[in-house]
């Protein structure tokens, strides 16, 4: 125990000596005001921070003629949604827990409160599980699918795909 206390005292004394002695490693102190003045005067400090050098510009580096701006490009409307993608919208009339699997990429689980609206996107299909099938009205790509079951009924692993858009 006494050896630990002596070691801690030695480390503390060494730290106080090391940090209070300034720059004991022989590096030169650099004045920040002289650096700022050098930058404003167009000079820079080299990596050793000892010599100030004038910034030399060759005559070919200066621009004597004005640069003309490029011709404007006609803006075209960009389409971000692909025609073959599926958009599933849900409107709730009561609180409900849900699980929506989008293709094989991602599954979202959680709960929705009453009068909530949620949107999911997939490429090919959705697999839906609901705690109250009658509490959610679905729209697939803007077409109303309706509810997926009676009020209070649990629906598990029901697939919605492009076939529901064509009425099959």
Protein backbone atom coordinates (compact mmCIF):
# COMPACT_ATOMS: atom_id res chain seq x y z
CA UNK A 1 0.00 0.00 0.00
CA UNK A 2 2.82 2.41 0.88
CA UNK A 3 4.56 1.62 -2.43
CA UNK A 4 1.41 2.60 -4.37
CA UNK A 5 1.23 5.95 -2.56
CA UNK A 6 4.91 6.66 -3.28
CA UNK A 7 4.40 5.77 -6.96
CA UNK A 8 1.37 8.08 -7.20
CA UNK A 9 3.31 10.94 -5.59
CA UNK A 10 6.21 10.40 -8.00
CA UNK A 11 3.86 10.47 -11.01
CA UNK A 12 2.16 13.61 -9.69
CA UNK A 13 5.47 15.43 -9.12
CA UNK A 14 6.70 14.41 -12.57
CA UNK A 15 3.48 15.66 -14.16
CA UNK A 16 3.66 19.00 -12.38
CA UNK A 17 7.31 19.42 -13.41
CA UNK A 18 6.65 18.34 -17.02
CA UNK A 19 3.60 20.54 -17.62
CA UNK A 20 4.86 23.59 -15.74
CA UNK A 21 8.26 23.72 -17.42
CA UNK A 22 6.80 25.09 -20.69
CA UNK A 23 8.25 23.74 -23.87
CA UNK A 24 11.19 21.78 -22.59
CA UNK A 25 11.66 19.94 -25.88
CA UNK A 26 13.51 22.81 -27.59
CA UNK A 27 10.79 23.93 -30.01
CA UNK A 28 10.43 27.64 -30.67
CA UNK A 29 7.42 29.51 -29.42
CA UNK A 30 5.34 30.98 -32.27
CA UNK A 31 3.48 34.24 -31.74
CA UNK A 32 -0.07 34.02 -33.11
CA UNK A 33 -0.18 37.75 -33.91
CA UNK A 34 2.86 37.44 -36.18
CA UNK A 35 1.23 34.48 -37.96
CA UNK A 36 -1.96 36.49 -38.52
CA UNK A 37 0.02 39.50 -39.78
CA UNK A 38 1.98 37.27 -42.14
CA UNK A 39 -1.19 35.75 -43.58
CA UNK A 40 -2.76 39.19 -44.07
CA UNK A 41 0.41 40.46 -45.77
CA UNK A 42 0.34 37.58 -48.27
CA UNK A 43 3.18 35.65 -46.72
CA UNK A 44 3.03 32.16 -45.36
CA UNK A 45 4.96 30.24 -42.76
CA UNK A 46 6.74 27.13 -43.95
CA UNK A 47 6.48 23.82 -42.11
CA UNK A 48 9.44 24.53 -39.82
CA UNK A 49 7.76 27.81 -38.71
CA UNK A 50 11.06 29.69 -38.82
CA UNK A 51 11.25 31.34 -42.23
CA UNK A 52 8.68 33.69 -43.70
CA UNK A 53 8.55 33.53 -47.48
CA UNK A 54 6.82 35.79 -49.98
CA UNK A 55 4.12 34.07 -52.01
CA UNK A 56 5.38 34.22 -55.59
CA UNK A 57 2.85 34.27 -58.43
CA UNK A 58 3.96 33.70 -61.97
CA UNK A 59 2.42 36.04 -64.59
CA UNK A 60 0.71 33.08 -66.28
CA UNK A 61 -1.09 32.28 -63.02
CA UNK A 62 -3.02 35.54 -63.08
CA UNK A 63 -6.26 35.91 -65.05
CA UNK A 64 -6.42 38.96 -67.28
CA UNK A 65 -9.58 38.18 -69.30
CA UNK A 66 -13.02 37.77 -67.72
CA UNK A 67 -14.35 34.24 -67.71
CA UNK A 68 -17.70 33.84 -69.46
CA UNK A 69 -20.25 31.71 -67.62
CA UNK A 70 -21.42 28.51 -69.33
CA UNK A 71 -24.74 28.42 -71.17
CA UNK A 72 -27.69 27.60 -68.88
CA UNK A 73 -28.92 24.03 -69.01
CA UNK A 74 -32.62 23.44 -69.42
CA UNK A 75 -34.07 21.89 -66.29
CA UNK A 76 -35.93 18.64 -66.86
CA UNK A 77 -38.41 17.16 -64.45
CA UNK A 78 -36.89 14.16 -62.71
CA UNK A 79 -38.99 11.16 -61.81
CA UNK A 80 -37.92 9.43 -58.62
CA UNK A 81 -40.66 6.83 -58.24
CA UNK A 82 -40.40 3.85 -60.54
CA UNK A 83 -43.59 2.70 -62.20
CA UNK A 84 -43.06 -0.87 -61.04
CA UNK A 85 -42.70 0.04 -57.36
CA UNK A 86 -45.47 -0.49 -54.82
CA UNK A 87 -46.63 2.09 -52.29
CA UNK A 88 -48.77 0.88 -49.39
CA UNK A 89 -50.66 3.45 -47.32
CA UNK A 90 -52.43 2.74 -44.05
CA UNK A 91 -55.06 4.89 -42.32
CA UNK A 92 -56.03 3.80 -38.81
CA UNK A 93 -59.36 4.28 -37.04
CA UNK A 94 -58.22 2.73 -33.74
CA UNK A 95 -54.91 1.80 -32.08
CA UNK A 96 -53.29 -1.28 -33.67
CA UNK A 97 -50.00 -3.16 -33.59
CA UNK A 98 -48.50 -4.17 -36.92
CA UNK A 99 -45.67 -5.85 -38.80
CA UNK A 100 -45.03 -4.99 -42.44
CA UNK A 101 -42.37 -6.86 -44.40
CA UNK A 102 -41.26 -5.11 -47.59
CA UNK A 103 -40.05 -7.74 -50.10
CA UNK A 104 -37.27 -9.63 -48.34
CA UNK A 105 -35.32 -6.50 -47.52
CA UNK A 106 -36.83 -4.99 -44.42
CA UNK A 107 -39.50 -5.50 -41.78
CA UNK A 108 -41.06 -2.69 -39.77
CA UNK A 109 -42.87 -3.49 -36.52
CA UNK A 110 -44.63 -1.25 -34.07
CA UNK A 111 -47.95 0.24 -33.17
CA UNK A 112 -50.10 2.94 -34.68
CA UNK A 113 -52.44 5.16 -32.74
CA UNK A 114 -55.94 6.13 -33.80
CA UNK A 115 -56.18 8.40 -36.89
CA UNK A 116 -52.58 7.80 -37.93
CA UNK A 117 -51.27 7.57 -41.50
CA UNK A 118 -48.24 5.47 -42.53
CA UNK A 119 -46.57 4.79 -45.90
CA UNK A 120 -44.36 1.84 -46.90
CA UNK A 121 -42.60 1.18 -50.22
CA UNK A 122 -41.59 -2.13 -51.80
CA UNK A 123 -40.69 -3.46 -55.19
CA UNK A 124 -42.75 -6.65 -55.41
CA UNK A 125 -44.88 -7.35 -52.33
CA UNK A 126 -45.75 -6.70 -48.68
CA UNK A 127 -46.38 -9.29 -45.96
CA UNK A 128 -48.68 -7.83 -43.30
CA UNK A 129 -49.58 -8.89 -39.75
CA UNK A 130 -52.14 -6.83 -37.80
CA UNK A 131 -53.52 -6.97 -34.28
CA UNK A 132 -56.86 -5.42 -35.32
CA UNK A 133 -57.53 -5.96 -39.03
CA UNK A 134 -60.68 -3.83 -39.04
CA UNK A 135 -58.87 -0.78 -37.64
CA UNK A 136 -56.73 -0.15 -40.74
CA UNK A 137 -57.81 0.86 -44.23
CA UNK A 138 -55.15 0.16 -46.87
CA UNK A 139 -54.43 1.78 -50.24
CA UNK A 140 -52.02 0.13 -52.69
CA UNK A 141 -50.59 2.58 -55.26
CA UNK A 142 -53.59 4.83 -54.60
CA UNK A 143 -56.19 2.07 -55.10
CA UNK A 144 -58.28 1.34 -52.02
CA UNK A 145 -57.84 -2.23 -50.77
CA UNK A 146 -59.98 -1.61 -47.69
CA UNK A 147 -59.61 -3.43 -44.38
CA UNK A 148 -58.01 -6.85 -44.26
CA UNK A 149 -60.48 -8.39 -41.83
CA UNK A 150 -63.13 -7.78 -39.21
CA UNK A 151 -62.77 -5.42 -36.28
CA UNK A 152 -60.72 -7.05 -33.50
CA UNK A 153 -59.51 -9.91 -35.76
CA UNK A 154 -55.81 -10.75 -35.94
CA UNK A 155 -54.39 -11.18 -39.46
CA UNK A 156 -51.07 -12.98 -39.86
CA UNK A 157 -48.73 -13.01 -42.88
CA UNK A 158 -51.19 -11.67 -45.46
CA UNK A 159 -49.45 -10.82 -48.76
CA UNK A 160 -50.32 -7.73 -50.80
CA UNK A 161 -48.76 -7.52 -54.24
CA UNK A 162 -49.39 -6.15 -57.72
CA UNK A 163 -52.17 -8.72 -58.17
CA UNK A 164 -54.41 -6.70 -55.82
CA UNK A 165 -54.09 -3.74 -58.22
CA UNK A 166 -55.55 -5.75 -61.11
CA UNK A 167 -58.37 -7.12 -58.92
CA UNK A 168 -57.15 -10.75 -58.74
